[in-house]
């Protein structure tokens, strides 16, 4: 069996990587650590994308504030907390569930961490601006 230099080769029988000469086993090489602050930034950006896809605010409404996110990581998994604005009227439980799913999927894909929980707090509901309200006499 021939391989290119720098690429792992495989045993014909076990299909497991053959240890490269001079390298310690993977468990002894170390680990990639992603700080909670970075995971929170990724979650905030994913929440912003999900907010625009799942809960688009009509043009006559005030602009929503950027979503806030915090993360708590432990042993390869992470818990996320999001706070964001949503338009009203909308199906709030359905929109929140879709946003939570989108954020969990995106964070897991980009970080490799298991997302154990995503909580979402709705900071405010965006209603029509006062300039567009009409008084009924």
N, C-alpha and C. Protein backbone atom coordinates (compact mmCIF):
# COMPACT_ATOMS: atom_id res chain seq x y z
N UNK A 1 0.85 -1.18 0.00
CA UNK A 1 0.00 0.00 0.00
C UNK A 1 0.89 1.23 0.00
N UNK A 2 0.58 2.20 -0.86
CA UNK A 2 1.36 3.42 -0.90
C UNK A 2 0.48 4.60 -0.49
N UNK A 3 1.10 5.53 0.17
CA UNK A 3 0.39 6.74 0.60
C UNK A 3 1.24 7.95 0.27
N UNK A 4 0.60 9.08 0.24
CA UNK A 4 1.34 10.32 0.06
C UNK A 4 1.91 10.76 1.40
N UNK A 5 3.07 11.41 1.40
CA UNK A 5 3.64 11.87 2.66
C UNK A 5 2.69 12.84 3.35
N UNK A 6 2.56 12.72 4.66
CA UNK A 6 1.75 13.64 5.45
C UNK A 6 0.31 13.19 5.60
N UNK A 7 -0.13 12.19 4.84
CA UNK A 7 -1.49 11.69 4.96
C UNK A 7 -1.47 10.37 5.70
N UNK A 8 -2.48 10.12 6.54
CA UNK A 8 -2.50 8.86 7.27
C UNK A 8 -2.78 7.71 6.32
N UNK A 9 -2.17 6.57 6.60
CA UNK A 9 -2.45 5.38 5.81
C UNK A 9 -3.33 4.46 6.64
N UNK A 10 -3.96 3.49 5.99
CA UNK A 10 -4.87 2.60 6.68
C UNK A 10 -4.40 1.17 6.52
N UNK A 11 -4.60 0.38 7.58
CA UNK A 11 -4.35 -1.05 7.48
C UNK A 11 -5.37 -1.64 6.54
N UNK A 12 -5.02 -2.67 5.84
CA UNK A 12 -5.98 -3.31 4.95
C UNK A 12 -7.07 -4.02 5.75
N UNK A 13 -6.74 -4.56 6.91
CA UNK A 13 -7.71 -5.34 7.67
C UNK A 13 -8.60 -4.51 8.58
N UNK A 14 -8.03 -3.72 9.43
CA UNK A 14 -8.80 -3.03 10.47
C UNK A 14 -9.36 -1.69 10.02
N UNK A 15 -8.89 -1.11 8.95
CA UNK A 15 -9.31 0.22 8.48
C UNK A 15 -9.14 1.28 9.55
N UNK A 16 -8.12 1.15 10.37
CA UNK A 16 -7.81 2.17 11.36
C UNK A 16 -6.52 2.86 10.96
N UNK A 17 -6.35 4.13 11.32
CA UNK A 17 -5.14 4.84 10.92
C UNK A 17 -3.89 4.18 11.50
N UNK A 18 -2.88 4.06 10.68
CA UNK A 18 -1.60 3.55 11.15
C UNK A 18 -0.86 4.72 11.78
N UNK A 19 -0.29 4.49 12.93
CA UNK A 19 0.39 5.55 13.66
C UNK A 19 1.61 6.04 12.89
N UNK A 20 1.66 7.34 12.69
CA UNK A 20 2.81 7.93 12.00
C UNK A 20 4.03 7.83 12.91
N UNK A 21 5.18 7.62 12.28
CA UNK A 21 6.41 7.45 13.04
C UNK A 21 6.72 8.70 13.86
N UNK A 22 6.97 8.53 15.13
CA UNK A 22 7.39 9.62 15.99
C UNK A 22 6.27 10.43 16.63
N UNK A 23 5.03 10.21 16.26
CA UNK A 23 3.92 10.96 16.86
C UNK A 23 3.31 10.18 18.01
N UNK A 24 3.01 10.88 19.10
CA UNK A 24 2.32 10.19 20.20
C UNK A 24 0.87 9.89 19.80
N UNK A 25 0.21 9.01 20.54
CA UNK A 25 -1.19 8.70 20.24
C UNK A 25 -2.04 9.99 20.32
N UNK A 26 -3.16 10.05 19.57
CA UNK A 26 -3.98 11.26 19.55
C UNK A 26 -4.41 11.75 20.93
N UNK A 27 -4.71 10.84 21.84
CA UNK A 27 -5.14 11.25 23.17
C UNK A 27 -4.07 12.00 23.94
N UNK A 28 -2.81 11.79 23.58
CA UNK A 28 -1.71 12.45 24.28
C UNK A 28 -1.24 13.73 23.58
N UNK A 29 -1.76 14.02 22.41
CA UNK A 29 -1.31 15.18 21.65
C UNK A 29 -1.90 16.49 22.14
N UNK A 30 -3.00 16.46 22.84
CA UNK A 30 -3.63 17.68 23.30
C UNK A 30 -5.03 17.80 22.75
N UNK A 31 -5.62 18.95 22.98
CA UNK A 31 -7.00 19.17 22.55
C UNK A 31 -7.16 20.59 22.06
N UNK A 32 -8.12 20.78 21.19
CA UNK A 32 -8.46 22.12 20.74
C UNK A 32 -9.50 22.67 21.70
N UNK A 33 -9.22 23.82 22.26
CA UNK A 33 -10.14 24.43 23.22
C UNK A 33 -10.68 25.71 22.59
N UNK A 34 -12.01 25.80 22.55
CA UNK A 34 -12.67 27.00 22.03
C UNK A 34 -13.22 27.76 23.23
N UNK A 35 -12.74 28.97 23.47
CA UNK A 35 -13.22 29.73 24.63
C UNK A 35 -14.73 29.99 24.56
N UNK A 36 -15.36 30.07 25.72
CA UNK A 36 -16.80 30.31 25.80
C UNK A 36 -17.19 31.62 25.10
N UNK A 37 -16.32 32.61 25.20
CA UNK A 37 -16.59 33.91 24.57
C UNK A 37 -16.71 33.76 23.05
N UNK A 38 -15.87 32.91 22.47
CA UNK A 38 -15.91 32.67 21.03
C UNK A 38 -17.18 31.91 20.66
N UNK A 39 -17.54 30.90 21.45
CA UNK A 39 -18.77 30.15 21.20
C UNK A 39 -19.97 31.08 21.29
N UNK A 40 -19.96 32.01 22.25
CA UNK A 40 -21.06 32.96 22.40
C UNK A 40 -21.15 33.88 21.18
N UNK A 41 -20.02 34.31 20.65
CA UNK A 41 -20.04 35.15 19.44
C UNK A 41 -20.59 34.39 18.24
N UNK A 42 -20.20 33.14 18.12
CA UNK A 42 -20.72 32.31 17.03
C UNK A 42 -22.23 32.16 17.19
N UNK A 43 -22.69 31.92 18.42
CA UNK A 43 -24.12 31.76 18.68
C UNK A 43 -24.88 33.05 18.39
N UNK A 44 -24.30 34.20 18.75
CA UNK A 44 -24.96 35.49 18.49
C UNK A 44 -25.10 35.73 16.99
N UNK A 45 -24.08 35.41 16.22
CA UNK A 45 -24.16 35.59 14.77
C UNK A 45 -25.17 34.61 14.17
N UNK A 46 -25.17 33.38 14.66
CA UNK A 46 -26.15 32.40 14.17
C UNK A 46 -27.56 32.83 14.53
N UNK A 47 -27.73 33.42 15.70
CA UNK A 47 -29.05 33.92 16.12
C UNK A 47 -29.50 35.08 15.24
N UNK A 48 -28.58 35.94 14.88
CA UNK A 48 -28.90 37.07 13.99
C UNK A 48 -29.37 36.56 12.63
N UNK A 49 -28.67 35.56 12.10
CA UNK A 49 -29.05 34.97 10.82
C UNK A 49 -30.42 34.29 10.93
N UNK A 50 -30.62 33.52 11.99
CA UNK A 50 -31.90 32.84 12.20
C UNK A 50 -33.03 33.85 12.41
N UNK A 51 -32.74 34.93 13.11
CA UNK A 51 -33.74 35.97 13.35
C UNK A 51 -34.20 36.57 12.03
N UNK A 52 -33.29 36.84 11.13
CA UNK A 52 -33.66 37.44 9.85
C UNK A 52 -34.39 36.43 8.96
N UNK A 53 -34.07 35.14 9.08
CA UNK A 53 -34.74 34.11 8.27
C UNK A 53 -36.10 33.73 8.84
N UNK A 54 -36.16 33.56 10.15
CA UNK A 54 -37.36 33.00 10.78
C UNK A 54 -38.35 34.04 11.29
N UNK A 55 -37.86 35.24 11.58
CA UNK A 55 -38.73 36.26 12.17
C UNK A 55 -38.44 37.60 11.54
N UNK A 56 -38.57 37.67 10.24
CA UNK A 56 -38.27 38.91 9.53
C UNK A 56 -39.18 40.03 10.01
N UNK A 57 -38.57 41.15 10.33
CA UNK A 57 -39.32 42.31 10.80
C UNK A 57 -39.74 43.11 9.58
N UNK A 58 -41.05 43.37 9.42
CA UNK A 58 -41.51 44.16 8.28
C UNK A 58 -40.87 45.54 8.27
N UNK A 59 -40.76 46.18 7.10
CA UNK A 59 -40.06 47.47 6.98
C UNK A 59 -40.69 48.61 7.78
N UNK A 60 -41.97 48.53 8.12
CA UNK A 60 -42.59 49.62 8.87
C UNK A 60 -42.39 49.49 10.38
N UNK A 61 -41.60 48.52 10.80
CA UNK A 61 -41.35 48.29 12.23
C UNK A 61 -39.96 48.83 12.59
N UNK A 62 -39.76 49.05 13.89
CA UNK A 62 -38.44 49.50 14.32
C UNK A 62 -37.44 48.35 14.16
N UNK A 63 -36.20 48.69 13.95
CA UNK A 63 -35.14 47.71 13.72
C UNK A 63 -34.85 46.96 15.02
N UNK A 64 -34.76 45.61 14.98
CA UNK A 64 -34.46 44.87 16.19
C UNK A 64 -33.01 45.08 16.62
N UNK A 65 -32.77 45.02 17.91
CA UNK A 65 -31.40 45.07 18.43
C UNK A 65 -30.71 43.76 18.09
N UNK A 66 -29.41 43.79 18.04
CA UNK A 66 -28.64 42.57 17.77
C UNK A 66 -28.86 41.57 18.90
N UNK A 67 -28.99 40.29 18.56
CA UNK A 67 -29.15 39.28 19.61
C UNK A 67 -27.91 39.22 20.51
N UNK A 68 -28.15 38.93 21.77
CA UNK A 68 -27.07 38.73 22.73
C UNK A 68 -26.99 37.23 23.02
N UNK A 69 -25.79 36.75 23.29
CA UNK A 69 -25.62 35.32 23.58
C UNK A 69 -24.56 35.13 24.64
N UNK A 70 -24.75 34.08 25.43
CA UNK A 70 -23.73 33.65 26.38
C UNK A 70 -23.62 32.14 26.27
N UNK A 71 -22.47 31.62 26.65
CA UNK A 71 -22.22 30.18 26.52
C UNK A 71 -21.52 29.66 27.76
N UNK A 72 -21.86 28.45 28.13
CA UNK A 72 -21.19 27.75 29.22
C UNK A 72 -20.81 26.37 28.70
N UNK A 73 -19.51 26.14 28.55
CA UNK A 73 -19.01 24.88 27.99
C UNK A 73 -18.43 24.01 29.08
N UNK A 74 -18.64 22.69 28.92
CA UNK A 74 -18.08 21.74 29.86
C UNK A 74 -18.02 20.37 29.21
N UNK A 75 -16.86 19.79 29.22
CA UNK A 75 -16.64 18.41 28.76
C UNK A 75 -17.21 18.13 27.37
N UNK A 76 -16.92 19.00 26.42
CA UNK A 76 -17.33 18.76 25.05
C UNK A 76 -18.75 19.14 24.70
N UNK A 77 -19.48 19.73 25.65
CA UNK A 77 -20.83 20.19 25.34
C UNK A 77 -20.97 21.64 25.81
N UNK A 78 -22.01 22.29 25.30
CA UNK A 78 -22.19 23.70 25.60
C UNK A 78 -23.67 23.98 25.83
N UNK A 79 -23.94 24.91 26.73
CA UNK A 79 -25.29 25.43 26.96
C UNK A 79 -25.29 26.88 26.52
N UNK A 80 -26.28 27.24 25.72
CA UNK A 80 -26.35 28.59 25.18
C UNK A 80 -27.57 29.32 25.73
N UNK A 81 -27.41 30.62 25.93
CA UNK A 81 -28.54 31.47 26.30
C UNK A 81 -28.56 32.63 25.32
N UNK A 82 -29.71 32.84 24.69
CA UNK A 82 -29.89 33.91 23.71
C UNK A 82 -30.93 34.89 24.22
N UNK A 83 -30.76 36.16 23.87
CA UNK A 83 -31.75 37.19 24.16
C UNK A 83 -31.91 38.00 22.88
N UNK A 84 -33.17 38.14 22.42
CA UNK A 84 -33.40 38.82 21.16
C UNK A 84 -34.78 39.43 21.08
N UNK A 85 -34.96 40.29 20.06
CA UNK A 85 -36.25 40.93 19.79
C UNK A 85 -36.96 40.12 18.71
N UNK A 86 -38.29 40.09 18.80
CA UNK A 86 -39.10 39.43 17.78
C UNK A 86 -40.23 40.35 17.35
N UNK A 87 -40.70 40.20 16.12
CA UNK A 87 -41.82 41.02 15.67
C UNK A 87 -43.14 40.52 16.28
N UNK A 88 -44.07 41.42 16.38
CA UNK A 88 -45.41 41.04 16.86
C UNK A 88 -46.41 41.62 15.89
N UNK A 89 -47.39 40.92 15.44
CA UNK A 89 -47.76 39.56 15.83
C UNK A 89 -46.97 38.50 15.07
N UNK A 90 -46.72 37.40 15.72
CA UNK A 90 -46.07 36.24 15.13
C UNK A 90 -46.36 35.04 16.02
N UNK A 91 -46.16 33.86 15.52
CA UNK A 91 -46.33 32.66 16.32
C UNK A 91 -45.05 32.49 17.14
N UNK A 92 -45.02 33.07 18.32
CA UNK A 92 -43.80 33.16 19.12
C UNK A 92 -43.22 31.78 19.47
N UNK A 93 -44.00 30.82 19.98
CA UNK A 93 -43.40 29.52 20.31
C UNK A 93 -42.76 28.83 19.11
N UNK A 94 -43.41 28.89 17.96
CA UNK A 94 -42.88 28.24 16.76
C UNK A 94 -41.60 28.93 16.28
N UNK A 95 -41.62 30.25 16.24
CA UNK A 95 -40.44 31.00 15.79
C UNK A 95 -39.27 30.76 16.74
N UNK A 96 -39.54 30.78 18.04
CA UNK A 96 -38.46 30.55 19.02
C UNK A 96 -37.86 29.15 18.86
N UNK A 97 -38.69 28.15 18.65
CA UNK A 97 -38.20 26.79 18.49
C UNK A 97 -37.34 26.66 17.23
N UNK A 98 -37.77 27.29 16.15
CA UNK A 98 -36.98 27.24 14.91
C UNK A 98 -35.65 27.97 15.08
N UNK A 99 -35.65 29.10 15.75
CA UNK A 99 -34.40 29.83 15.99
C UNK A 99 -33.47 29.01 16.86
N UNK A 100 -34.00 28.43 17.93
CA UNK A 100 -33.17 27.59 18.81
C UNK A 100 -32.56 26.43 18.04
N UNK A 101 -33.33 25.79 17.18
CA UNK A 101 -32.82 24.68 16.39
C UNK A 101 -31.73 25.14 15.43
N UNK A 102 -31.98 26.25 14.73
CA UNK A 102 -30.99 26.78 13.77
C UNK A 102 -29.67 27.13 14.46
N UNK A 103 -29.76 27.78 15.61
CA UNK A 103 -28.55 28.18 16.35
C UNK A 103 -27.80 26.94 16.84
N UNK A 104 -28.51 25.99 17.41
CA UNK A 104 -27.85 24.77 17.91
C UNK A 104 -27.14 24.03 16.78
N UNK A 105 -27.79 23.92 15.64
CA UNK A 105 -27.20 23.23 14.50
C UNK A 105 -25.95 23.95 14.00
N UNK A 106 -26.02 25.27 13.90
CA UNK A 106 -24.89 26.06 13.38
C UNK A 106 -23.70 26.03 14.34
N UNK A 107 -23.96 26.19 15.64
CA UNK A 107 -22.88 26.18 16.63
C UNK A 107 -22.22 24.79 16.67
N UNK A 108 -23.01 23.74 16.64
CA UNK A 108 -22.45 22.38 16.64
C UNK A 108 -21.59 22.16 15.39
N UNK A 109 -22.06 22.64 14.26
CA UNK A 109 -21.31 22.47 13.01
C UNK A 109 -19.98 23.23 13.03
N UNK A 110 -20.00 24.45 13.52
CA UNK A 110 -18.78 25.28 13.47
C UNK A 110 -17.78 24.97 14.58
N UNK A 111 -18.26 24.50 15.73
CA UNK A 111 -17.35 24.29 16.86
C UNK A 111 -17.04 22.82 17.13
N UNK A 112 -17.90 21.93 16.69
CA UNK A 112 -17.71 20.52 17.00
C UNK A 112 -18.19 20.16 18.40
N UNK A 113 -18.77 21.11 19.10
CA UNK A 113 -19.30 20.86 20.44
C UNK A 113 -20.74 20.36 20.35
N UNK A 114 -21.12 19.54 21.30
CA UNK A 114 -22.51 19.11 21.40
C UNK A 114 -23.29 20.22 22.11
N UNK A 115 -24.37 20.67 21.51
CA UNK A 115 -25.18 21.72 22.12
C UNK A 115 -26.23 21.03 22.98
N UNK A 116 -26.05 21.11 24.30
CA UNK A 116 -26.93 20.42 25.23
C UNK A 116 -28.25 21.16 25.43
N UNK A 117 -28.19 22.50 25.38
CA UNK A 117 -29.40 23.28 25.67
C UNK A 117 -29.27 24.66 25.04
N UNK A 118 -30.39 25.16 24.54
CA UNK A 118 -30.46 26.54 24.05
C UNK A 118 -31.69 27.17 24.68
N UNK A 119 -31.47 28.18 25.50
CA UNK A 119 -32.60 28.93 26.05
C UNK A 119 -32.67 30.26 25.32
N UNK A 120 -33.89 30.72 25.11
CA UNK A 120 -34.09 31.95 24.37
C UNK A 120 -35.02 32.85 25.17
N UNK A 121 -34.57 34.06 25.42
CA UNK A 121 -35.38 35.07 26.09
C UNK A 121 -35.77 36.12 25.07
N UNK A 122 -37.05 36.41 24.99
CA UNK A 122 -37.52 37.47 24.11
C UNK A 122 -37.44 38.78 24.90
N UNK A 123 -36.52 39.67 24.48
CA UNK A 123 -36.34 40.95 25.18
C UNK A 123 -37.53 41.86 25.00
N UNK A 124 -37.99 41.96 23.76
CA UNK A 124 -39.16 42.80 23.49
C UNK A 124 -39.80 42.34 22.19
N UNK A 125 -41.07 42.66 22.08
CA UNK A 125 -41.82 42.40 20.86
C UNK A 125 -41.92 43.71 20.11
N UNK A 126 -41.58 43.68 18.84
CA UNK A 126 -41.59 44.89 18.02
C UNK A 126 -42.96 45.04 17.37
N UNK A 127 -43.67 46.07 17.77
CA UNK A 127 -44.97 46.36 17.19
C UNK A 127 -44.83 47.52 16.23
N UNK A 128 -45.92 47.90 15.58
CA UNK A 128 -45.88 49.03 14.65
C UNK A 128 -45.40 50.27 15.39
N UNK A 129 -44.62 51.09 14.72
CA UNK A 129 -44.11 52.30 15.35
C UNK A 129 -45.24 53.29 15.60
N UNK A 130 -45.07 54.14 16.56
CA UNK A 130 -46.12 55.09 16.92
C UNK A 130 -46.48 56.00 15.75
N UNK A 131 -45.52 56.28 14.88
CA UNK A 131 -45.81 57.14 13.73
C UNK A 131 -46.83 56.48 12.80
N UNK A 132 -46.90 55.17 12.79
CA UNK A 132 -47.83 54.48 11.92
C UNK A 132 -49.17 54.20 12.59
N UNK A 133 -49.27 54.45 13.88
CA UNK A 133 -50.53 54.21 14.57
C UNK A 133 -51.51 55.30 14.19
N UNK A 134 -52.75 54.92 14.06
CA UNK A 134 -53.80 55.88 13.76
C UNK A 134 -54.79 55.89 14.89
N UNK A 135 -55.20 57.05 15.25
CA UNK A 135 -56.16 57.21 16.32
C UNK A 135 -57.56 56.99 15.78
N UNK A 136 -58.32 56.22 16.51
CA UNK A 136 -59.71 56.00 16.12
C UNK A 136 -60.55 56.94 16.96
N UNK A 137 -61.33 57.78 16.29
CA UNK A 137 -62.17 58.74 17.02
C UNK A 137 -63.59 58.28 17.07
